[in-house]
Amino acid sequence: SGQYFIQGGDESEEKKACQFKRSLLQNCSGIEDPTFGYSRGQPCILLK
């Protein structure tokens, strides 16, 4: 965490990708609250 993941090698080589787990979204992950807060009038919205 906290630094760019710069990968060398030939540009045609397959690159590795970093994990982004939905559990990182905590109350907005849909794991503990499958309604993402909508059932309580506290909606989660994702930004990318």
ModelCIF file with pLDDT and N, C-alpha, C, O atoms, coordinates in Angstrom:
data_MODEL
#
_entry.id   MODEL 
#
_entity.id                         1 
_entity.type                       polymer 
_entity.pdbx_number_of_molecules   1 
#
_entity_poly.entity_id                      1 
_entity_poly.type                           'polypeptide(L)' 
_entity_poly.nstd_linkage                   no 
_entity_poly.nstd_monomer                   no 
_entity_poly.pdbx_seq_one_letter_code       SGQYFIQGGDESEEKKACQFKRSLLQNCSGIEDPTFGYSRGQPCILLK 
_entity_poly.pdbx_seq_one_letter_code_can   SGQYFIQGGDESEEKKACQFKRSLLQNCSGIEDPTFGYSRGQPCILLK 
_entity_poly.pdbx_strand_id                 A 
#
loop_
_entity_poly_seq.entity_id 
_entity_poly_seq.num 
_entity_poly_seq.mon_id 
_entity_poly_seq.hetero 
1 1  SER n 
1 2  GLY n 
1 3  GLN n 
1 4  TYR n 
1 5  PHE n 
1 6  ILE n 
1 7  GLN n 
1 8  GLY n 
1 9  GLY n 
1 10 ASP n 
1 11 GLU n 
1 12 SER n 
1 13 GLU n 
1 14 GLU n 
1 15 LYS n 
1 16 LYS n 
1 17 ALA n 
1 18 CYS n 
1 19 GLN n 
1 20 PHE n 
1 21 LYS n 
1 22 ARG n 
1 23 SER n 
1 24 LEU n 
1 25 LEU n 
1 26 GLN n 
1 27 ASN n 
1 28 CYS n 
1 29 SER n 
1 30 GLY n 
1 31 ILE n 
1 32 GLU n 
1 33 ASP n 
1 34 PRO n 
1 35 THR n 
1 36 PHE n 
1 37 GLY n 
1 38 TYR n 
1 39 SER n 
1 40 ARG n 
1 41 GLY n 
1 42 GLN n 
1 43 PRO n 
1 44 CYS n 
1 45 ILE n 
1 46 LEU n 
1 47 LEU n 
1 48 LYS n 
#
_struct_asym.id          A 
_struct_asym.entity_id   1 
#
loop_
_ma_qa_metric.id 
_ma_qa_metric.mode 
_ma_qa_metric.name 
_ma_qa_metric.software_group_id 
_ma_qa_metric.type 
1 global pLDDT . pLDDT 
2 local  pLDDT . pLDDT 
#
_ma_qa_metric_global.metric_id      1 
_ma_qa_metric_global.metric_value   96.21 
_ma_qa_metric_global.model_id       1 
_ma_qa_metric_global.ordinal_id     1 
#
loop_
_ma_qa_metric_local.label_asym_id 
_ma_qa_metric_local.label_comp_id 
_ma_qa_metric_local.label_seq_id 
_ma_qa_metric_local.metric_id 
_ma_qa_metric_local.metric_value 
_ma_qa_metric_local.model_id 
_ma_qa_metric_local.ordinal_id 
A SER 1  2 96.00 1 1  
A GLY 2  2 95.00 1 2  
A GLN 3  2 97.00 1 3  
A TYR 4  2 98.00 1 4  
A PHE 5  2 97.00 1 5  
A ILE 6  2 96.00 1 6  
A GLN 7  2 96.00 1 7  
A GLY 8  2 90.00 1 8  
A GLY 9  2 88.00 1 9  
A ASP 10 2 88.00 1 10 
A GLU 11 2 84.00 1 11 
A SER 12 2 86.00 1 12 
A GLU 13 2 93.00 1 13 
A GLU 14 2 95.00 1 14 
A LYS 15 2 97.00 1 15 
A LYS 16 2 97.00 1 16 
A ALA 17 2 98.00 1 17 
A CYS 18 2 98.00 1 18 
A GLN 19 2 98.00 1 19 
A PHE 20 2 98.00 1 20 
A LYS 21 2 98.00 1 21 
A ARG 22 2 98.00 1 22 
A SER 23 2 98.00 1 23 
A LEU 24 2 98.00 1 24 
A LEU 25 2 98.00 1 25 
A GLN 26 2 97.00 1 26 
A ASN 27 2 97.00 1 27 
A CYS 28 2 98.00 1 28 
A SER 29 2 98.00 1 29 
A GLY 30 2 97.00 1 30 
A ILE 31 2 97.00 1 31 
A GLU 32 2 96.00 1 32 
A ASP 33 2 97.00 1 33 
A PRO 34 2 98.00 1 34 
A THR 35 2 98.00 1 35 
A PHE 36 2 98.00 1 36 
A GLY 37 2 98.00 1 37 
A TYR 38 2 98.00 1 38 
A SER 39 2 98.00 1 39 
A ARG 40 2 97.00 1 40 
A GLY 41 2 97.00 1 41 
A GLN 42 2 98.00 1 42 
A PRO 43 2 98.00 1 43 
A CYS 44 2 98.00 1 44 
A ILE 45 2 98.00 1 45 
A LEU 46 2 98.00 1 46 
A LEU 47 2 98.00 1 47 
A LYS 48 2 96.00 1 48 
#
loop_
_atom_site.group_PDB 
_atom_site.id 
_atom_site.type_symbol 
_atom_site.label_atom_id 
_atom_site.label_alt_id 
_atom_site.label_comp_id 
_atom_site.label_asym_id 
_atom_site.label_entity_id 
_atom_site.label_seq_id 
_atom_site.pdbx_PDB_ins_code 
_atom_site.Cartn_x 
_atom_site.Cartn_y 
_atom_site.Cartn_z 
_atom_site.occupancy 
_atom_site.B_iso_or_equiv 
_atom_site.pdbx_formal_charge 
_atom_site.auth_seq_id 
_atom_site.auth_comp_id 
_atom_site.auth_asym_id 
_atom_site.auth_atom_id 
_atom_site.pdbx_PDB_model_num 
ATOM 1   N N  . SER A 1 1  ? 0.828   -1.205  0.000   1.00 96.00 ? 1  SER A N  1 
ATOM 2   C CA . SER A 1 1  ? 0.000   0.000   0.000   1.00 96.00 ? 1  SER A CA 1 
ATOM 3   C C  . SER A 1 1  ? 0.861   1.253   0.000   1.00 96.00 ? 1  SER A C  1 
ATOM 4   O O  . SER A 1 1  ? 1.959   1.273   0.556   1.00 96.00 ? 1  SER A O  1 
ATOM 5   N N  . GLY A 1 2  ? 0.341   2.299   -0.635  1.00 95.00 ? 2  GLY A N  1 
ATOM 6   C CA . GLY A 1 2  ? 0.982   3.606   -0.570  1.00 95.00 ? 2  GLY A CA 1 
ATOM 7   C C  . GLY A 1 2  ? 2.039   3.878   -1.606  1.00 95.00 ? 2  GLY A C  1 
ATOM 8   O O  . GLY A 1 2  ? 2.708   4.910   -1.549  1.00 95.00 ? 2  GLY A O  1 
ATOM 9   N N  . GLN A 1 3  ? 2.209   2.965   -2.567  1.00 97.00 ? 3  GLN A N  1 
ATOM 10  C CA . GLN A 1 3  ? 3.180   3.220   -3.634  1.00 97.00 ? 3  GLN A CA 1 
ATOM 11  C C  . GLN A 1 3  ? 2.689   2.615   -4.936  1.00 97.00 ? 3  GLN A C  1 
ATOM 12  O O  . GLN A 1 3  ? 1.979   1.609   -4.936  1.00 97.00 ? 3  GLN A O  1 
ATOM 13  N N  . TYR A 1 4  ? 3.072   3.236   -6.048  1.00 98.00 ? 4  TYR A N  1 
ATOM 14  C CA . TYR A 1 4  ? 2.666   2.740   -7.355  1.00 98.00 ? 4  TYR A CA 1 
ATOM 15  C C  . TYR A 1 4  ? 3.236   1.341   -7.583  1.00 98.00 ? 4  TYR A C  1 
ATOM 16  O O  . TYR A 1 4  ? 4.344   1.026   -7.152  1.00 98.00 ? 4  TYR A O  1 
ATOM 17  N N  . PHE A 1 5  ? 2.446   0.507   -8.276  1.00 97.00 ? 5  PHE A N  1 
ATOM 18  C CA . PHE A 1 5  ? 2.884   -0.845  -8.600  1.00 97.00 ? 5  PHE A CA 1 
ATOM 19  C C  . PHE A 1 5  ? 3.380   -0.835  -10.049 1.00 97.00 ? 5  PHE A C  1 
ATOM 20  O O  . PHE A 1 5  ? 2.629   -1.131  -10.979 1.00 97.00 ? 5  PHE A O  1 
ATOM 21  N N  . ILE A 1 6  ? 4.647   -0.491  -10.217 1.00 96.00 ? 6  ILE A N  1 
ATOM 22  C CA . ILE A 1 6  ? 5.230   -0.355  -11.547 1.00 96.00 ? 6  ILE A CA 1 
ATOM 23  C C  . ILE A 1 6  ? 5.854   -1.683  -11.950 1.00 96.00 ? 6  ILE A C  1 
ATOM 24  O O  . ILE A 1 6  ? 6.670   -2.245  -11.219 1.00 96.00 ? 6  ILE A O  1 
ATOM 25  N N  . GLN A 1 7  ? 5.459   -2.183  -13.128 1.00 96.00 ? 7  GLN A N  1 
ATOM 26  C CA . GLN A 1 7  ? 5.920   -3.486  -13.601 1.00 96.00 ? 7  GLN A CA 1 
ATOM 27  C C  . GLN A 1 7  ? 6.701   -3.323  -14.901 1.00 96.00 ? 7  GLN A C  1 
ATOM 28  O O  . GLN A 1 7  ? 6.234   -2.720  -15.867 1.00 96.00 ? 7  GLN A O  1 
ATOM 29  N N  . GLY A 1 8  ? 7.901   -3.880  -14.885 1.00 90.00 ? 8  GLY A N  1 
ATOM 30  C CA . GLY A 1 8  ? 8.743   -3.792  -16.063 1.00 90.00 ? 8  GLY A CA 1 
ATOM 31  C C  . GLY A 1 8  ? 8.505   -4.953  -17.013 1.00 90.00 ? 8  GLY A C  1 
ATOM 32  O O  . GLY A 1 8  ? 7.427   -5.547  -17.028 1.00 90.00 ? 8  GLY A O  1 
ATOM 33  N N  . GLY A 1 9  ? 9.510   -5.266  -17.796 1.00 88.00 ? 9  GLY A N  1 
ATOM 34  C CA . GLY A 1 9  ? 9.393   -6.350  -18.756 1.00 88.00 ? 9  GLY A CA 1 
ATOM 35  C C  . GLY A 1 9  ? 8.825   -5.891  -20.080 1.00 88.00 ? 9  GLY A C  1 
ATOM 36  O O  . GLY A 1 9  ? 8.524   -4.713  -20.272 1.00 88.00 ? 9  GLY A O  1 
ATOM 37  N N  . ASP A 1 10 ? 8.683   -6.837  -20.986 1.00 88.00 ? 10 ASP A N  1 
ATOM 38  C CA . ASP A 1 10 ? 8.134   -6.542  -22.307 1.00 88.00 ? 10 ASP A CA 1 
ATOM 39  C C  . ASP A 1 10 ? 6.690   -6.084  -22.174 1.00 88.00 ? 10 ASP A C  1 
ATOM 40  O O  . ASP A 1 10 ? 5.949   -6.566  -21.317 1.00 88.00 ? 10 ASP A O  1 
ATOM 41  N N  . GLU A 1 11 ? 6.295   -5.139  -23.039 1.00 84.00 ? 11 GLU A N  1 
ATOM 42  C CA . GLU A 1 11 ? 4.946   -4.600  -22.925 1.00 84.00 ? 11 GLU A CA 1 
ATOM 43  C C  . GLU A 1 11 ? 3.864   -5.624  -23.243 1.00 84.00 ? 11 GLU A C  1 
ATOM 44  O O  . GLU A 1 11 ? 2.696   -5.410  -22.920 1.00 84.00 ? 11 GLU A O  1 
ATOM 45  N N  . SER A 1 12 ? 4.241   -6.732  -23.873 1.00 86.00 ? 12 SER A N  1 
ATOM 46  C CA . SER A 1 12 ? 3.265   -7.772  -24.191 1.00 86.00 ? 12 SER A CA 1 
ATOM 47  C C  . SER A 1 12 ? 3.096   -8.793  -23.062 1.00 86.00 ? 12 SER A C  1 
ATOM 48  O O  . SER A 1 12 ? 2.204   -9.639  -23.125 1.00 86.00 ? 12 SER A O  1 
ATOM 49  N N  . GLU A 1 13 ? 3.943   -8.722  -22.033 1.00 93.00 ? 13 GLU A N  1 
ATOM 50  C CA . GLU A 1 13 ? 3.854   -9.661  -20.919 1.00 93.00 ? 13 GLU A CA 1 
ATOM 51  C C  . GLU A 1 13 ? 2.619   -9.369  -20.065 1.00 93.00 ? 13 GLU A C  1 
ATOM 52  O O  . GLU A 1 13 ? 2.264   -8.214  -19.833 1.00 93.00 ? 13 GLU A O  1 
ATOM 53  N N  . GLU A 1 14 ? 1.979   -10.438 -19.606 1.00 95.00 ? 14 GLU A N  1 
ATOM 54  C CA . GLU A 1 14 ? 0.818   -10.263 -18.747 1.00 95.00 ? 14 GLU A CA 1 
ATOM 55  C C  . GLU A 1 14 ? 1.230   -9.648  -17.419 1.00 95.00 ? 14 GLU A C  1 
ATOM 56  O O  . GLU A 1 14 ? 2.204   -10.073 -16.797 1.00 95.00 ? 14 GLU A O  1 
ATOM 57  N N  . LYS A 1 15 ? 0.473   -8.641  -16.997 1.00 97.00 ? 15 LYS A N  1 
ATOM 58  C CA . LYS A 1 15 ? 0.789   -7.929  -15.763 1.00 97.00 ? 15 LYS A CA 1 
ATOM 59  C C  . LYS A 1 15 ? -0.035  -8.476  -14.595 1.00 97.00 ? 15 LYS A C  1 
ATOM 60  O O  . LYS A 1 15 ? -1.157  -8.953  -14.768 1.00 97.00 ? 15 LYS A O  1 
ATOM 61  N N  . LYS A 1 16 ? 0.554   -8.390  -13.414 1.00 97.00 ? 16 LYS A N  1 
ATOM 62  C CA . LYS A 1 16 ? -0.159  -8.794  -12.214 1.00 97.00 ? 16 LYS A CA 1 
ATOM 63  C C  . LYS A 1 16 ? -1.065  -7.660  -11.760 1.00 97.00 ? 16 LYS A C  1 
ATOM 64  O O  . LYS A 1 16 ? -0.795  -6.487  -12.019 1.00 97.00 ? 16 LYS A O  1 
ATOM 65  N N  . ALA A 1 17 ? -2.148  -8.032  -11.077 1.00 98.00 ? 17 ALA A N  1 
ATOM 66  C CA . ALA A 1 17 ? -3.093  -7.036  -10.582 1.00 98.00 ? 17 ALA A CA 1 
ATOM 67  C C  . ALA A 1 17 ? -3.220  -7.153  -9.068  1.00 98.00 ? 17 ALA A C  1 
ATOM 68  O O  . ALA A 1 17 ? -3.142  -8.246  -8.506  1.00 98.00 ? 17 ALA A O  1 
ATOM 69  N N  . CYS A 1 18 ? -3.414  -6.021  -8.424  1.00 98.00 ? 18 CYS A N  1 
ATOM 70  C CA . CYS A 1 18 ? -3.531  -5.984  -6.968  1.00 98.00 ? 18 CYS A CA 1 
ATOM 71  C C  . CYS A 1 18 ? -4.958  -6.310  -6.540  1.00 98.00 ? 18 CYS A C  1 
ATOM 72  O O  . CYS A 1 18 ? -5.925  -5.953  -7.213  1.00 98.00 ? 18 CYS A O  1 
ATOM 73  N N  . GLN A 1 19 ? -5.065  -6.988  -5.421  1.00 98.00 ? 19 GLN A N  1 
ATOM 74  C CA . GLN A 1 19 ? -6.372  -7.344  -4.883  1.00 98.00 ? 19 GLN A CA 1 
ATOM 75  C C  . GLN A 1 19 ? -7.131  -6.097  -4.412  1.00 98.00 ? 19 GLN A C  1 
ATOM 76  O O  . GLN A 1 19 ? -6.595  -5.245  -3.704  1.00 98.00 ? 19 GLN A O  1 
ATOM 77  N N  . PHE A 1 20 ? -8.390  -6.028  -4.831  1.00 98.00 ? 20 PHE A N  1 
ATOM 78  C CA . PHE A 1 20 ? -9.317  -5.074  -4.214  1.00 98.00 ? 20 PHE A CA 1 
ATOM 79  C C  . PHE A 1 20 ? -10.528 -5.891  -3.782  1.00 98.00 ? 20 PHE A C  1 
ATOM 80  O O  . PHE A 1 20 ? -11.400 -6.205  -4.591  1.00 98.00 ? 20 PHE A O  1 
ATOM 81  N N  . LYS A 1 21 ? -10.570 -6.226  -2.519  1.00 98.00 ? 21 LYS A N  1 
ATOM 82  C CA . LYS A 1 21 ? -11.642 -7.068  -1.992  1.00 98.00 ? 21 LYS A CA 1 
ATOM 83  C C  . LYS A 1 21 ? -12.848 -6.217  -1.598  1.00 98.00 ? 21 LYS A C  1 
ATOM 84  O O  . LYS A 1 21 ? -12.694 -5.106  -1.092  1.00 98.00 ? 21 LYS A O  1 
ATOM 85  N N  . ARG A 1 22 ? -14.036 -6.740  -1.830  1.00 98.00 ? 22 ARG A N  1 
ATOM 86  C CA . ARG A 1 22 ? -15.231 -5.981  -1.487  1.00 98.00 ? 22 ARG A CA 1 
ATOM 87  C C  . ARG A 1 22 ? -15.346 -5.755  0.015   1.00 98.00 ? 22 ARG A C  1 
ATOM 88  O O  . ARG A 1 22 ? -16.022 -4.821  0.448   1.00 98.00 ? 22 ARG A O  1 
ATOM 89  N N  . SER A 1 23 ? -14.698 -6.595  0.812   1.00 98.00 ? 23 SER A N  1 
ATOM 90  C CA . SER A 1 23 ? -14.729 -6.402  2.261   1.00 98.00 ? 23 SER A CA 1 
ATOM 91  C C  . SER A 1 23 ? -14.081 -5.084  2.675   1.00 98.00 ? 23 SER A C  1 
ATOM 92  O O  . SER A 1 23 ? -14.357 -4.570  3.759   1.00 98.00 ? 23 SER A O  1 
ATOM 93  N N  . LEU A 1 24 ? -13.209 -4.528  1.804   1.00 98.00 ? 24 LEU A N  1 
ATOM 94  C CA . LEU A 1 24 ? -12.607 -3.230  2.083   1.00 98.00 ? 24 LEU A CA 1 
ATOM 95  C C  . LEU A 1 24 ? -13.655 -2.127  2.153   1.00 98.00 ? 24 LEU A C  1 
ATOM 96  O O  . LEU A 1 24 ? -13.423 -1.073  2.745   1.00 98.00 ? 24 LEU A O  1 
ATOM 97  N N  . LEU A 1 25 ? -14.799 -2.375  1.549   1.00 98.00 ? 25 LEU A N  1 
ATOM 98  C CA . LEU A 1 25 ? -15.861 -1.363  1.516   1.00 98.00 ? 25 LEU A CA 1 
ATOM 99  C C  . LEU A 1 25 ? -16.694 -1.355  2.795   1.00 98.00 ? 25 LEU A C  1 
ATOM 100 O O  . LEU A 1 25 ? -17.605 -0.540  2.945   1.00 98.00 ? 25 LEU A O  1 
ATOM 101 N N  . GLN A 1 26 ? -16.381 -2.253  3.700   1.00 97.00 ? 26 GLN A N  1 
ATOM 102 C CA . GLN A 1 26 ? -16.963 -2.296  5.034   1.00 97.00 ? 26 GLN A CA 1 
ATOM 103 C C  . GLN A 1 26 ? -18.491 -2.217  5.004   1.00 97.00 ? 26 GLN A C  1 
ATOM 104 O O  . GLN A 1 26 ? -19.131 -3.134  4.489   1.00 97.00 ? 26 GLN A O  1 
ATOM 105 N N  . ASN A 1 27 ? -19.090 -1.161  5.536   1.00 97.00 ? 27 ASN A N  1 
ATOM 106 C CA . ASN A 1 27 ? -20.550 -1.073  5.611   1.00 97.00 ? 27 ASN A CA 1 
ATOM 107 C C  . ASN A 1 27 ? -21.224 -1.005  4.248   1.00 97.00 ? 27 ASN A C  1 
ATOM 108 O O  . ASN A 1 27 ? -22.440 -1.163  4.135   1.00 97.00 ? 27 ASN A O  1 
ATOM 109 N N  . CYS A 1 28 ? -20.425 -0.770  3.219   1.00 98.00 ? 28 CYS A N  1 
ATOM 110 C CA . CYS A 1 28 ? -20.977 -0.712  1.859   1.00 98.00 ? 28 CYS A CA 1 
ATOM 111 C C  . CYS A 1 28 ? -20.563 -1.912  1.023   1.00 98.00 ? 28 CYS A C  1 
ATOM 112 O O  . CYS A 1 28 ? -20.655 -1.876  -0.204  1.00 98.00 ? 28 CYS A O  1 
ATOM 113 N N  . SER A 1 29 ? -20.109 -2.973  1.674   1.00 98.00 ? 29 SER A N  1 
ATOM 114 C CA . SER A 1 29 ? -19.663 -4.163  0.942   1.00 98.00 ? 29 SER A CA 1 
ATOM 115 C C  . SER A 1 29 ? -20.818 -5.075  0.549   1.00 98.00 ? 29 SER A C  1 
ATOM 116 O O  . SER A 1 29 ? -20.682 -5.893  -0.361  1.00 98.00 ? 29 SER A O  1 
ATOM 117 N N  . GLY A 1 30 ? -21.941 -4.943  1.221   1.00 97.00 ? 30 GLY A N  1 
ATOM 118 C CA . GLY A 1 30 ? -23.063 -5.846  0.971   1.00 97.00 ? 30 GLY A CA 1 
ATOM 119 C C  . GLY A 1 30 ? -22.914 -7.175  1.667   1.00 97.00 ? 30 GLY A C  1 
ATOM 120 O O  . GLY A 1 30 ? -23.710 -8.086  1.438   1.00 97.00 ? 30 GLY A O  1 
ATOM 121 N N  . ILE A 1 31 ? -21.901 -7.308  2.521   1.00 97.00 ? 31 ILE A N  1 
ATOM 122 C CA . ILE A 1 31 ? -21.665 -8.572  3.220   1.00 97.00 ? 31 ILE A CA 1 
ATOM 123 C C  . ILE A 1 31 ? -22.512 -8.650  4.487   1.00 97.00 ? 31 ILE A C  1 
ATOM 124 O O  . ILE A 1 31 ? -23.307 -9.574  4.653   1.00 97.00 ? 31 ILE A O  1 
ATOM 125 N N  . GLU A 1 32 ? -22.338 -7.674  5.381   1.00 96.00 ? 32 GLU A N  1 
ATOM 126 C CA . GLU A 1 32 ? -23.132 -7.670  6.611   1.00 96.00 ? 32 GLU A CA 1 
ATOM 127 C C  . GLU A 1 32 ? -24.537 -7.139  6.368   1.00 96.00 ? 32 GLU A C  1 
ATOM 128 O O  . GLU A 1 32 ? -25.497 -7.617  6.971   1.00 96.00 ? 32 GLU A O  1 
ATOM 129 N N  . ASP A 1 33 ? -24.657 -6.164  5.497   1.00 97.00 ? 33 ASP A N  1 
ATOM 130 C CA . ASP A 1 33 ? -25.967 -5.613  5.140   1.00 97.00 ? 33 ASP A CA 1 
ATOM 131 C C  . ASP A 1 33 ? -26.187 -5.835  3.647   1.00 97.00 ? 33 ASP A C  1 
ATOM 132 O O  . ASP A 1 33 ? -25.716 -5.043  2.831   1.00 97.00 ? 33 ASP A O  1 
ATOM 133 N N  . PRO A 1 34 ? -26.893 -6.897  3.280   1.00 98.00 ? 34 PRO A N  1 
ATOM 134 C CA . PRO A 1 34 ? -27.096 -7.212  1.857   1.00 98.00 ? 34 PRO A CA 1 
ATOM 135 C C  . PRO A 1 34 ? -27.889 -6.165  1.087   1.00 98.00 ? 34 PRO A C  1 
ATOM 136 O O  . PRO A 1 34 ? -27.961 -6.229  -0.140  1.00 98.00 ? 34 PRO A O  1 
ATOM 137 N N  . THR A 1 35 ? -28.489 -5.195  1.791   1.00 98.00 ? 35 THR A N  1 
ATOM 138 C CA . THR A 1 35 ? -29.256 -4.155  1.091   1.00 98.00 ? 35 THR A CA 1 
ATOM 139 C C  . THR A 1 35 ? -28.450 -2.876  0.895   1.00 98.00 ? 35 THR A C  1 
ATOM 140 O O  . THR A 1 35 ? -28.977 -1.893  0.374   1.00 98.00 ? 35 THR A O  1 
ATOM 141 N N  . PHE A 1 36 ? -27.178 -2.871  1.305   1.00 98.00 ? 36 PHE A N  1 
ATOM 142 C CA . PHE A 1 36 ? -26.310 -1.705  1.128   1.00 98.00 ? 36 PHE A CA 1 
ATOM 143 C C  . PHE A 1 36 ? -26.898 -0.432  1.731   1.00 98.00 ? 36 PHE A C  1 
ATOM 144 O O  . PHE A 1 36 ? -26.647 0.669   1.242   1.00 98.00 ? 36 PHE A O  1 
ATOM 145 N N  . GLY A 1 37 ? -27.675 -0.591  2.790   1.00 98.00 ? 37 GLY A N  1 
ATOM 146 C CA . GLY A 1 37 ? -28.249 0.561   3.474   1.00 98.00 ? 37 GLY A CA 1 
ATOM 147 C C  . GLY A 1 37 ? -29.546 1.075   2.889   1.00 98.00 ? 37 GLY A C  1 
ATOM 148 O O  . GLY A 1 37 ? -30.182 1.944   3.485   1.00 98.00 ? 37 GLY A O  1 
ATOM 149 N N  . TYR A 1 38 ? -29.958 0.563   1.734   1.00 98.00 ? 38 TYR A N  1 
ATOM 150 C CA . TYR A 1 38 ? -31.162 1.083   1.079   1.00 98.00 ? 38 TYR A CA 1 
ATOM 151 C C  . TYR A 1 38 ? -32.419 0.787   1.896   1.00 98.00 ? 38 TYR A C  1 
ATOM 152 O O  . TYR A 1 38 ? -33.364 1.576   1.885   1.00 98.00 ? 38 TYR A O  1 
ATOM 153 N N  . SER A 1 39 ? -32.436 -0.317  2.588   1.00 98.00 ? 39 SER A N  1 
ATOM 154 C CA . SER A 1 39 ? -33.617 -0.668  3.388   1.00 98.00 ? 39 SER A CA 1 
ATOM 155 C C  . SER A 1 39 ? -33.782 0.239   4.593   1.00 98.00 ? 39 SER A C  1 
ATOM 156 O O  . SER A 1 39 ? -34.841 0.251   5.219   1.00 98.00 ? 39 SER A O  1 
ATOM 157 N N  . ARG A 1 40 ? -32.739 1.006   4.928   1.00 97.00 ? 40 ARG A N  1 
ATOM 158 C CA . ARG A 1 40 ? -32.804 1.927   6.067   1.00 97.00 ? 40 ARG A CA 1 
ATOM 159 C C  . ARG A 1 40 ? -32.802 3.388   5.616   1.00 97.00 ? 40 ARG A C  1 
ATOM 160 O O  . ARG A 1 40 ? -32.793 4.298   6.445   1.00 97.00 ? 40 ARG A O  1 
ATOM 161 N N  . GLY A 1 41 ? -32.808 3.604   4.320   1.00 97.00 ? 41 GLY A N  1 
ATOM 162 C CA . GLY A 1 41 ? -32.746 4.976   3.834   1.00 97.00 ? 41 GLY A CA 1 
ATOM 163 C C  . GLY A 1 41 ? -31.364 5.585   3.957   1.00 97.00 ? 41 GLY A C  1 
ATOM 164 O O  . GLY A 1 41 ? -31.223 6.806   4.019   1.00 97.00 ? 41 GLY A O  1 
ATOM 165 N N  . GLN A 1 42 ? -30.320 4.722   3.996   1.00 98.00 ? 42 GLN A N  1 
ATOM 166 C CA . GLN A 1 42 ? -28.936 5.181   4.078   1.00 98.00 ? 42 GLN A CA 1 
ATOM 167 C C  . GLN A 1 42 ? -28.126 4.524   2.953   1.00 98.00 ? 42 GLN A C  1 
ATOM 168 O O  . GLN A 1 42 ? -27.295 3.654   3.212   1.00 98.00 ? 42 GLN A O  1 
ATOM 169 N N  . PRO A 1 43 ? -28.367 4.934   1.732   1.00 98.00 ? 43 PRO A N  1 
ATOM 170 C CA . PRO A 1 43 ? -27.816 4.211   0.579   1.00 98.00 ? 43 PRO A CA 1 
ATOM 171 C C  . PRO A 1 43 ? -26.310 4.353   0.408   1.00 98.00 ? 43 PRO A C  1 
ATOM 172 O O  . PRO A 1 43 ? -25.725 5.390   0.719   1.00 98.00 ? 43 PRO A O  1 
ATOM 173 N N  . CYS A 1 44 ? -25.701 3.292   -0.091  1.00 98.00 ? 44 CYS A N  1 
ATOM 174 C CA . CYS A 1 44 ? -24.298 3.308   -0.504  1.00 98.00 ? 44 CYS A CA 1 
ATOM 175 C C  . CYS A 1 44 ? -24.230 3.524   -2.014  1.00 98.00 ? 44 CYS A C  1 
ATOM 176 O O  . CYS A 1 44 ? -25.023 2.963   -2.771  1.00 98.00 ? 44 CYS A O  1 
ATOM 177 N N  . ILE A 1 45 ? -23.283 4.335   -2.430  1.00 98.00 ? 45 ILE A N  1 
ATOM 178 C CA . ILE A 1 45 ? -23.022 4.566   -3.847  1.00 98.00 ? 45 ILE A CA 1 
ATOM 179 C C  . ILE A 1 45 ? -21.524 4.412   -4.060  1.00 98.00 ? 45 ILE A C  1 
ATOM 180 O O  . ILE A 1 45 ? -20.724 4.910   -3.268  1.00 98.00 ? 45 ILE A O  1 
ATOM 181 N N  . LEU A 1 46 ? -21.148 3.726   -5.123  1.00 98.00 ? 46 LEU A N  1 
ATOM 182 C CA . LEU A 1 46 ? -19.741 3.471   -5.409  1.00 98.00 ? 46 LEU A CA 1 
ATOM 183 C C  . LEU A 1 46 ? -19.231 4.423   -6.483  1.00 98.00 ? 46 LEU A C  1 
ATOM 184 O O  . LEU A 1 46 ? -19.928 4.732   -7.449  1.00 98.00 ? 46 LEU A O  1 
ATOM 185 N N  . LEU A 1 47 ? -18.005 4.878   -6.291  1.00 98.00 ? 47 LEU A N  1 
ATOM 186 C CA . LEU A 1 47 ? -17.374 5.783   -7.243  1.00 98.00 ? 47 LEU A CA 1 
ATOM 187 C C  . LEU A 1 47 ? -16.110 5.134   -7.783  1.00 98.00 ? 47 LEU A C  1 
ATOM 188 O O  . LEU A 1 47 ? -15.303 4.598   -7.022  1.00 98.00 ? 47 LEU A O  1 
ATOM 189 N N  . LYS A 1 48 ? -15.942 5.186   -9.095  1.00 96.00 ? 48 LYS A N  1 
ATOM 190 C CA . LYS A 1 48 ? -14.711 4.654   -9.682  1.00 96.00 ? 48 LYS A CA 1 
ATOM 191 C C  . LYS A 1 48 ? -14.178 5.617   -10.740 1.00 96.00 ? 48 LYS A C  1 
ATOM 192 O O  . LYS A 1 48 ? -13.145 5.351   -11.354 1.00 96.00 ? 48 LYS A O  1 
#
